[in-house]
């Protein structure tokens, strides 16, 4: 049996540029799950904090070139999923309310059609929509939403529960009855944070009894940077380290530069991070680093990867290098810890078909802190090590 290894990715894939795509291309995952799409009360789709679809039109409020970048992954044989919902949101409540009216249903249909069409037009597609429903647990909402997606042409959905509930069981059975045994292509069982210690057996039994062509995919978290990670509770996050009077060396490797912006303070620049940044420098005065590298007071220049500092008295630099720890898992969050857990799951009555990792962004955020004691030196190798923890544990 081939092991299906998946990874959730959030702002770091949206705004991490080509470095993020290169990381995921090299890491060897079967699927990348883009997390998280939020649905507003009028059906507008927001990817984390950035609007991407409104009134049936795909248009990124903050450019990220997501369709063409995701198409690179899919052309390489990696499935692409979009996850809807998250803890602390009202996404499924919005979906339920929209489905109560013709106008709301039409708006929802138009926007999820536009999302799919944008990916197809760029040479990719969306293989499934993931239901991370943590706000309005009603079978009717998820079943009707699944029916709408099927009508658009989505081949399948996946479920992402973090605790057993009859709502999930009823939703699963009804979706299979209405759309076929393969329509729920996977159950992504959260076994970290609020789902830590989740047993696999009830879900494996559910799939077996229904005769579903559904993969059982339990997930675990990586080590995590401090909350934020850049900005938390009106202050820099605990993983942020300041280095005074430096900037990126002008003759260094600038291929990891993501973007620049102008802000009234370094704190404002920290609050403006989008995902995928490992360091940036902020200019308090004019800076000339050579051809094409002139910066004004207030400019913040964001990078992915490793810094190469050069002296710049008019600038200060900030990096996520202050340490990473296990926050969400029982039993550790480094790759050997995860491999041990997957190996234990392999011996159970209903062994999983694979596993998922939460979250690619954390492998980026922990790069400079030295993930797991410095054993991994780049997001690509870290993401690969976590993927190998799944495949080695279940092989």
Protein backbone atom coordinates (compact mmCIF):
# COMPACT_ATOMS: atom_id res chain seq x y z
CA UNK A 1 0.00 0.00 0.00
CA UNK A 2 1.35 3.41 -0.92
CA UNK A 3 1.33 5.91 1.93
CA UNK A 4 -0.57 9.13 1.27
CA UNK A 5 1.27 12.02 2.96
CA UNK A 6 -0.36 15.44 3.06
CA UNK A 7 0.53 18.87 4.43
CA UNK A 8 -1.55 21.91 5.28
CA UNK A 9 -0.14 25.26 4.15
CA UNK A 10 -1.41 28.73 4.94
CA UNK A 11 0.06 32.22 4.48
CA UNK A 12 3.48 30.76 3.74
CA UNK A 13 2.21 29.22 0.51
CA UNK A 14 0.03 32.22 -0.34
CA UNK A 15 2.78 34.81 0.03
CA UNK A 16 5.97 32.73 0.19
CA UNK A 17 6.65 33.15 -3.52
CA UNK A 18 8.57 30.60 -5.55
CA UNK A 19 10.63 29.45 -2.55
CA UNK A 20 7.47 27.97 -0.99
CA UNK A 21 6.57 26.12 -4.18
CA UNK A 22 10.13 24.83 -4.55
CA UNK A 23 10.05 23.56 -0.94
CA UNK A 24 6.82 21.65 -1.52
CA UNK A 25 7.91 20.29 -4.89
CA UNK A 26 10.99 18.78 -3.28
CA UNK A 27 9.36 17.49 -0.11
CA UNK A 28 7.46 14.62 -1.76
CA UNK A 29 3.93 15.05 -0.40
CA UNK A 30 0.93 13.47 -2.11
CA UNK A 31 -1.28 16.50 -1.48
CA UNK A 32 -1.07 20.12 -0.35
CA UNK A 33 -4.08 21.51 1.52
CA UNK A 34 -4.41 25.29 1.23
CA UNK A 35 -5.72 26.55 4.57
CA UNK A 36 -7.95 28.40 5.24
CA UNK A 37 -10.77 29.78 3.11
CA UNK A 38 -13.29 31.85 5.02
CA UNK A 39 -16.82 32.57 3.78
CA UNK A 40 -18.39 35.93 4.61
CA UNK A 41 -22.08 36.57 5.10
CA UNK A 42 -22.45 37.56 1.42
CA UNK A 43 -20.43 34.60 0.11
CA UNK A 44 -17.13 36.41 -0.53
CA UNK A 45 -14.14 34.08 -0.15
CA UNK A 46 -11.22 35.19 2.00
CA UNK A 47 -7.96 33.22 2.09
CA UNK A 48 -6.85 33.84 5.67
CA UNK A 49 -7.06 37.66 5.63
CA UNK A 50 -6.93 38.28 1.88
CA UNK A 51 -10.00 38.44 -0.35
CA UNK A 52 -9.69 36.16 -3.37
CA UNK A 53 -13.23 35.80 -4.81
CA UNK A 54 -16.23 38.12 -4.80
CA UNK A 55 -19.30 38.42 -7.04
CA UNK A 56 -18.19 35.42 -9.08
CA UNK A 57 -14.78 36.90 -9.92
CA UNK A 58 -11.41 35.58 -8.78
CA UNK A 59 -9.23 38.59 -7.94
CA UNK A 60 -6.56 38.64 -5.27
CA UNK A 61 -6.79 41.75 -3.10
CA UNK A 62 -3.08 41.29 -2.37
CA UNK A 63 -1.24 39.76 -5.35
CA UNK A 64 -0.01 36.24 -4.72
CA UNK A 65 -0.31 34.57 -8.16
CA UNK A 66 -1.77 31.58 -6.40
CA UNK A 67 -3.37 29.75 -9.37
CA UNK A 68 -0.19 29.62 -11.45
CA UNK A 69 1.95 28.70 -8.46
CA UNK A 70 -0.38 25.90 -7.33
CA UNK A 71 -0.52 24.67 -10.92
CA UNK A 72 3.21 23.90 -10.67
CA UNK A 73 2.48 21.52 -7.82
CA UNK A 74 -0.44 19.83 -9.52
CA UNK A 75 1.46 19.35 -12.78
CA UNK A 76 4.06 17.53 -10.68
CA UNK A 77 1.38 15.08 -9.51
CA UNK A 78 0.58 16.71 -6.16
CA UNK A 79 -3.13 16.97 -5.36
CA UNK A 80 -4.45 20.41 -4.42
CA UNK A 81 -7.17 20.85 -1.81
CA UNK A 82 -8.67 24.01 -0.35
CA UNK A 83 -9.78 23.87 3.27
CA UNK A 84 -12.85 25.84 4.39
CA UNK A 85 -13.25 26.83 8.03
CA UNK A 86 -11.11 26.92 11.18
CA UNK A 87 -11.46 27.36 14.89
CA UNK A 88 -12.83 30.74 15.96
CA UNK A 89 -14.60 31.47 12.68
CA UNK A 90 -18.21 31.54 11.51
CA UNK A 91 -17.64 30.11 8.04
CA UNK A 92 -20.15 27.26 8.16
CA UNK A 93 -22.70 29.48 9.83
CA UNK A 94 -22.33 31.82 6.84
CA UNK A 95 -22.60 28.89 4.44
CA UNK A 96 -25.74 27.63 6.18
CA UNK A 97 -27.39 31.03 6.04
CA UNK A 98 -26.50 31.52 2.38
CA UNK A 99 -27.95 28.12 1.47
CA UNK A 100 -31.32 29.17 2.91
CA UNK A 101 -32.02 31.60 0.06
CA UNK A 102 -31.81 31.44 -3.72
CA UNK A 103 -29.68 34.57 -3.85
CA UNK A 104 -27.30 33.27 -1.19
CA UNK A 105 -27.00 29.88 -2.85
CA UNK A 106 -26.30 31.57 -6.18
CA UNK A 107 -23.56 33.72 -4.64
CA UNK A 108 -21.94 30.71 -3.00
CA UNK A 109 -22.12 28.71 -6.23
CA UNK A 110 -20.70 31.58 -8.30
CA UNK A 111 -17.75 32.11 -5.98
CA UNK A 112 -16.75 28.47 -5.60
CA UNK A 113 -17.12 28.10 -9.37
CA UNK A 114 -14.81 31.09 -9.87
CA UNK A 115 -12.27 29.62 -7.44
CA UNK A 116 -12.15 26.33 -9.32
CA UNK A 117 -12.12 27.98 -12.74
CA UNK A 118 -9.19 30.22 -11.77
CA UNK A 119 -7.12 27.16 -10.91
CA UNK A 120 -8.12 25.35 -14.11
CA UNK A 121 -7.36 28.39 -16.28
CA UNK A 122 -3.82 28.46 -14.88
CA UNK A 123 -3.28 24.78 -15.75
CA UNK A 124 -4.20 23.30 -12.39
CA UNK A 125 -7.37 22.26 -10.57
CA UNK A 126 -8.81 21.64 -7.12
CA UNK A 127 -9.09 17.97 -6.21
CA UNK A 128 -11.29 18.44 -3.14
CA UNK A 129 -12.72 20.93 -0.70
CA UNK A 130 -11.83 20.16 2.92
CA UNK A 131 -14.54 20.73 5.55
CA UNK A 132 -12.83 22.08 8.69
CA UNK A 133 -16.15 22.84 10.35
CA UNK A 134 -15.55 24.06 13.89
CA UNK A 135 -18.39 26.55 14.25
CA UNK A 136 -21.84 25.31 13.11
CA UNK A 137 -22.14 21.56 13.46
CA UNK A 138 -25.23 20.75 11.42
CA UNK A 139 -25.42 17.79 9.08
CA UNK A 140 -27.76 19.63 6.72
CA UNK A 141 -25.27 22.46 6.19
CA UNK A 142 -22.39 20.16 5.25
CA UNK A 143 -24.52 17.83 3.13
CA UNK A 144 -26.12 20.71 1.21
CA UNK A 145 -22.76 22.43 0.78
CA UNK A 146 -21.32 19.16 -0.53
CA UNK A 147 -24.20 18.92 -2.99
CA UNK A 148 -23.53 22.44 -4.23
CA UNK A 149 -19.85 21.63 -4.75
CA UNK A 150 -20.72 18.40 -6.58
CA UNK A 151 -23.03 20.38 -8.87
CA UNK A 152 -20.20 22.76 -9.71
CA UNK A 153 -17.94 19.85 -10.67
CA UNK A 154 -15.79 19.28 -7.61
CA UNK A 155 -14.92 15.60 -7.63
CA UNK A 156 -14.83 15.14 -3.87
CA UNK A 157 -14.77 16.64 -0.43
CA UNK A 158 -12.80 15.72 2.68
CA UNK A 159 -13.81 15.96 6.33
CA UNK A 160 -11.54 17.38 9.02
CA UNK A 161 -13.00 16.50 12.45
CA UNK A 162 -11.20 16.91 15.75
CA UNK A 163 -13.65 14.96 17.89
CA UNK A 164 -16.20 12.18 17.32
CA UNK A 165 -19.74 13.41 16.76
CA UNK A 166 -22.86 11.95 15.18
CA UNK A 167 -23.01 15.01 12.93
CA UNK A 168 -19.82 13.89 11.20
CA UNK A 169 -21.10 10.31 10.94
CA UNK A 170 -24.44 11.39 9.48
CA UNK A 171 -22.75 13.83 7.11
CA UNK A 172 -20.38 11.16 5.86
CA UNK A 173 -23.11 8.60 5.26
CA UNK A 174 -25.45 11.03 3.52
CA UNK A 175 -22.75 12.41 1.25
CA UNK A 176 -21.83 8.88 0.15
CA UNK A 177 -25.48 7.97 -0.39
CA UNK A 178 -26.14 11.04 -2.51
CA UNK A 179 -22.89 11.33 -4.48
CA UNK A 180 -21.21 7.93 -4.48
CA UNK A 181 -18.76 5.96 -2.38
CA UNK A 182 -15.78 8.06 -3.48
CA UNK A 183 -17.24 11.51 -2.90
CA UNK A 184 -15.70 11.82 0.57
CA UNK A 185 -12.18 11.01 -0.52
CA UNK A 186 -10.52 11.35 2.90
CA UNK A 187 -11.11 11.96 6.57
CA UNK A 188 -8.39 14.24 7.92
CA UNK A 189 -8.54 13.39 11.61
CA UNK A 190 -6.97 16.05 13.82
CA UNK A 191 -4.87 14.29 16.48
CA UNK A 192 -3.24 17.42 17.91
CA UNK A 193 -4.41 20.40 19.97
CA UNK A 194 -8.14 19.89 20.72
CA UNK A 195 -7.98 16.54 18.93
CA UNK A 196 -4.92 15.20 20.76
CA UNK A 197 -5.40 11.53 21.62
CA UNK A 198 -8.16 11.01 19.07
CA UNK A 199 -8.76 7.28 18.51
CA UNK A 200 -8.69 6.04 14.92
CA UNK A 201 -11.00 3.08 15.42
CA UNK A 202 -14.39 4.87 15.25
CA UNK A 203 -13.45 6.51 11.98
CA UNK A 204 -12.00 3.37 10.45
CA UNK A 205 -15.14 1.50 11.45
CA UNK A 206 -17.32 4.25 9.94
CA UNK A 207 -15.55 3.96 6.60
CA UNK A 208 -15.67 0.16 6.64
CA UNK A 209 -19.38 -0.02 7.48
CA UNK A 210 -20.28 2.50 4.78
CA UNK A 211 -18.10 0.81 2.17
CA UNK A 212 -16.53 4.17 1.40
CA UNK A 213 -13.56 4.65 -0.88
CA UNK A 214 -12.21 7.01 1.76
CA UNK A 215 -8.67 7.40 3.04
CA UNK A 216 -8.20 7.59 6.80
CA UNK A 217 -5.55 10.31 7.27
CA UNK A 218 -4.72 11.27 10.88
CA UNK A 219 -2.65 14.40 11.37
CA UNK A 220 -0.07 15.72 13.80
CA UNK A 221 1.54 19.12 14.27
CA UNK A 222 5.13 20.22 13.80
CA UNK A 223 7.06 22.22 16.35
CA UNK A 224 5.80 25.79 16.48
CA UNK A 225 7.24 29.28 16.79
CA UNK A 226 5.79 31.51 19.49
CA UNK A 227 2.22 32.75 18.96
CA UNK A 228 1.89 35.30 16.19
CA UNK A 229 4.56 34.52 15.18
CA UNK A 230 5.59 38.08 14.29
CA UNK A 231 3.03 40.01 16.32
CA UNK A 232 1.03 38.86 19.32
CA UNK A 233 -0.98 40.72 21.97
CA UNK A 234 0.10 44.16 20.72
CA UNK A 235 3.81 43.32 20.85
CA UNK A 236 6.44 41.44 18.84
CA UNK A 237 6.07 37.67 19.12
CA UNK A 238 8.34 35.74 21.45
CA UNK A 239 10.26 34.24 18.52
CA UNK A 240 11.23 37.63 17.05
CA UNK A 241 14.89 38.64 17.54
CA UNK A 242 16.14 42.14 16.68
CA UNK A 243 19.62 42.82 15.32
CA UNK A 244 20.49 46.51 15.34
CA UNK A 245 22.30 48.43 12.61
CA UNK A 246 22.27 45.76 9.88
CA UNK A 247 20.51 45.03 6.60
CA UNK A 248 20.75 42.27 4.02
CA UNK A 249 24.23 42.38 2.49
CA UNK A 250 23.94 44.08 -0.89
CA UNK A 251 26.12 41.51 -2.68
CA UNK A 252 24.48 38.54 -0.99
CA UNK A 253 21.86 36.18 -2.41
CA UNK A 254 18.62 38.13 -2.74
CA UNK A 255 16.64 35.35 -4.46
CA UNK A 256 14.59 34.92 -1.28
CA UNK A 257 13.30 38.51 -1.31
CA UNK A 258 9.51 38.41 -1.15
CA UNK A 259 8.47 42.07 -1.28
CA UNK A 260 8.95 45.49 0.25
CA UNK A 261 6.55 48.00 1.77
CA UNK A 262 6.71 51.34 3.52
CA UNK A 263 5.52 51.63 7.12
CA UNK A 264 5.67 54.24 9.88
CA UNK A 265 7.57 51.93 12.23
CA UNK A 266 9.21 48.54 12.52
CA UNK A 267 6.30 47.40 14.68
CA UNK A 268 3.90 48.34 11.88
CA UNK A 269 6.07 46.37 9.46
CA UNK A 270 5.84 43.35 11.76
CA UNK A 271 2.07 43.63 11.81
CA UNK A 272 2.08 43.73 8.00
CA UNK A 273 3.69 40.30 7.57
CA UNK A 274 1.61 37.98 5.40
CA UNK A 275 3.29 34.57 5.67
CA UNK A 276 6.48 32.99 4.44
CA UNK A 277 8.82 35.64 5.88
CA UNK A 278 11.74 34.48 8.00
CA UNK A 279 13.40 37.91 8.35
CA UNK A 280 13.20 41.51 7.24
CA UNK A 281 15.11 44.74 7.64
CA UNK A 282 13.57 48.13 8.35
CA UNK A 283 15.13 51.41 7.24
CA UNK A 284 15.16 54.40 9.55
CA UNK A 285 16.90 56.44 6.84
CA UNK A 286 17.94 56.26 3.18
CA UNK A 287 19.96 53.15 2.25
CA UNK A 288 21.87 52.45 -0.97
CA UNK A 289 23.03 48.85 -1.40
CA UNK A 290 23.95 49.10 -5.05
CA UNK A 291 22.13 49.01 -8.40
CA UNK A 292 18.38 48.48 -7.96
CA UNK A 293 18.67 48.35 -4.17
CA UNK A 294 17.89 51.85 -2.95
CA UNK A 295 15.55 52.12 0.01
CA UNK A 296 13.81 55.02 1.68
CA UNK A 297 13.11 55.73 5.33
CA UNK A 298 10.19 53.52 6.38
CA UNK A 299 10.91 50.76 3.86
CA UNK A 300 10.70 47.19 5.13
CA UNK A 301 12.18 44.47 2.93
CA UNK A 302 10.95 40.93 3.58
CA UNK A 303 12.76 37.67 2.84
CA UNK A 304 12.39 33.91 3.02
CA UNK A 305 15.45 31.87 3.87
CA UNK A 306 18.71 32.68 5.66
CA UNK A 307 19.97 36.25 6.23
CA UNK A 308 23.41 37.53 5.29
CA UNK A 309 23.80 40.67 7.36
CA UNK A 310 25.86 43.64 6.33
CA UNK A 311 26.53 46.76 8.35
CA UNK A 312 23.84 49.43 7.93
CA UNK A 313 23.66 51.91 10.83
CA UNK A 314 20.41 53.37 9.45
CA UNK A 315 18.59 50.01 9.58
CA UNK A 316 17.54 47.31 12.01
CA UNK A 317 16.78 43.68 11.21
CA UNK A 318 14.20 41.30 12.66
CA UNK A 319 14.18 37.52 12.37
CA UNK A 320 12.15 34.55 13.62
CA UNK A 321 15.10 33.01 15.40
CA UNK A 322 13.95 32.93 19.01
CA UNK A 323 13.08 29.26 19.39
CA UNK A 324 10.40 26.68 18.56
CA UNK A 325 8.68 24.13 20.78
CA UNK A 326 6.02 21.44 20.80
CA UNK A 327 2.72 23.14 21.56
CA UNK A 328 0.03 20.85 20.16
CA UNK A 329 1.04 17.16 20.19
CA UNK A 330 1.00 14.53 22.87
CA UNK A 331 4.38 12.81 22.78
CA UNK A 332 6.55 15.33 20.94
CA UNK A 333 6.55 17.18 17.63
CA UNK A 334 9.89 16.45 15.96
CA UNK A 335 9.99 14.03 13.01
CA UNK A 336 11.15 11.02 15.11
CA UNK A 337 8.26 11.65 17.52
CA UNK A 338 5.74 11.64 14.68
CA UNK A 339 7.26 8.52 13.12
CA UNK A 340 6.83 6.71 16.42
CA UNK A 341 3.16 7.65 16.58
CA UNK A 342 2.46 6.62 12.98
CA UNK A 343 4.22 3.31 13.58
CA UNK A 344 1.94 2.72 16.57
CA UNK A 345 -1.14 3.54 14.50
CA UNK A 346 -0.02 1.06 11.85
CA UNK A 347 -0.58 -1.81 14.27
CA UNK A 348 -4.19 -0.92 15.07
CA UNK A 349 -7.32 -2.64 13.79
CA UNK A 350 -7.94 0.18 11.31
CA UNK A 351 -4.48 1.36 10.27
CA UNK A 352 -4.39 4.72 8.50
CA UNK A 353 -3.81 5.12 4.78
CA UNK A 354 -1.43 7.99 5.38
CA UNK A 355 -1.06 11.08 7.46
CA UNK A 356 -1.03 14.84 7.34
CA UNK A 357 1.27 17.48 8.77
CA UNK A 358 0.10 20.73 10.29
CA UNK A 359 1.67 23.07 9.16
CA UNK A 360 4.11 23.98 6.37
CA UNK A 361 4.17 27.54 7.72
CA UNK A 362 5.72 26.27 10.92
CA UNK A 363 8.65 24.73 9.06
CA UNK A 364 9.27 28.19 7.62
CA UNK A 365 8.78 30.01 10.91
CA UNK A 366 11.20 27.67 12.67
CA UNK A 367 13.96 27.78 10.06
CA UNK A 368 16.20 30.29 11.82
CA UNK A 369 15.44 28.95 15.30
CA UNK A 370 16.87 25.56 14.32
CA UNK A 371 13.97 23.15 14.05
CA UNK A 372 14.28 20.27 16.53
CA UNK A 373 17.68 21.29 17.82
CA UNK A 374 19.01 22.38 14.46
CA UNK A 375 18.71 18.95 12.86
CA UNK A 376 16.94 20.44 9.84
CA UNK A 377 18.53 23.31 7.93
CA UNK A 378 15.86 24.50 5.49
CA UNK A 379 12.07 24.43 5.15
CA UNK A 380 12.40 21.96 2.28
CA UNK A 381 14.45 19.47 4.29
CA UNK A 382 12.27 20.00 7.37
CA UNK A 383 9.08 19.41 5.38
CA UNK A 384 10.71 16.35 3.83
CA UNK A 385 11.68 15.00 7.27
CA UNK A 386 8.09 15.31 8.46
CA UNK A 387 6.82 13.59 5.30
CA UNK A 388 9.32 10.78 5.86
CA UNK A 389 8.03 10.43 9.43
CA UNK A 390 4.65 9.50 7.95
CA UNK A 391 5.92 7.22 5.21
CA UNK A 392 8.54 5.47 7.36
CA UNK A 393 6.13 5.04 10.25
CA UNK A 394 3.46 3.45 8.08
CA UNK A 395 5.68 1.44 5.72
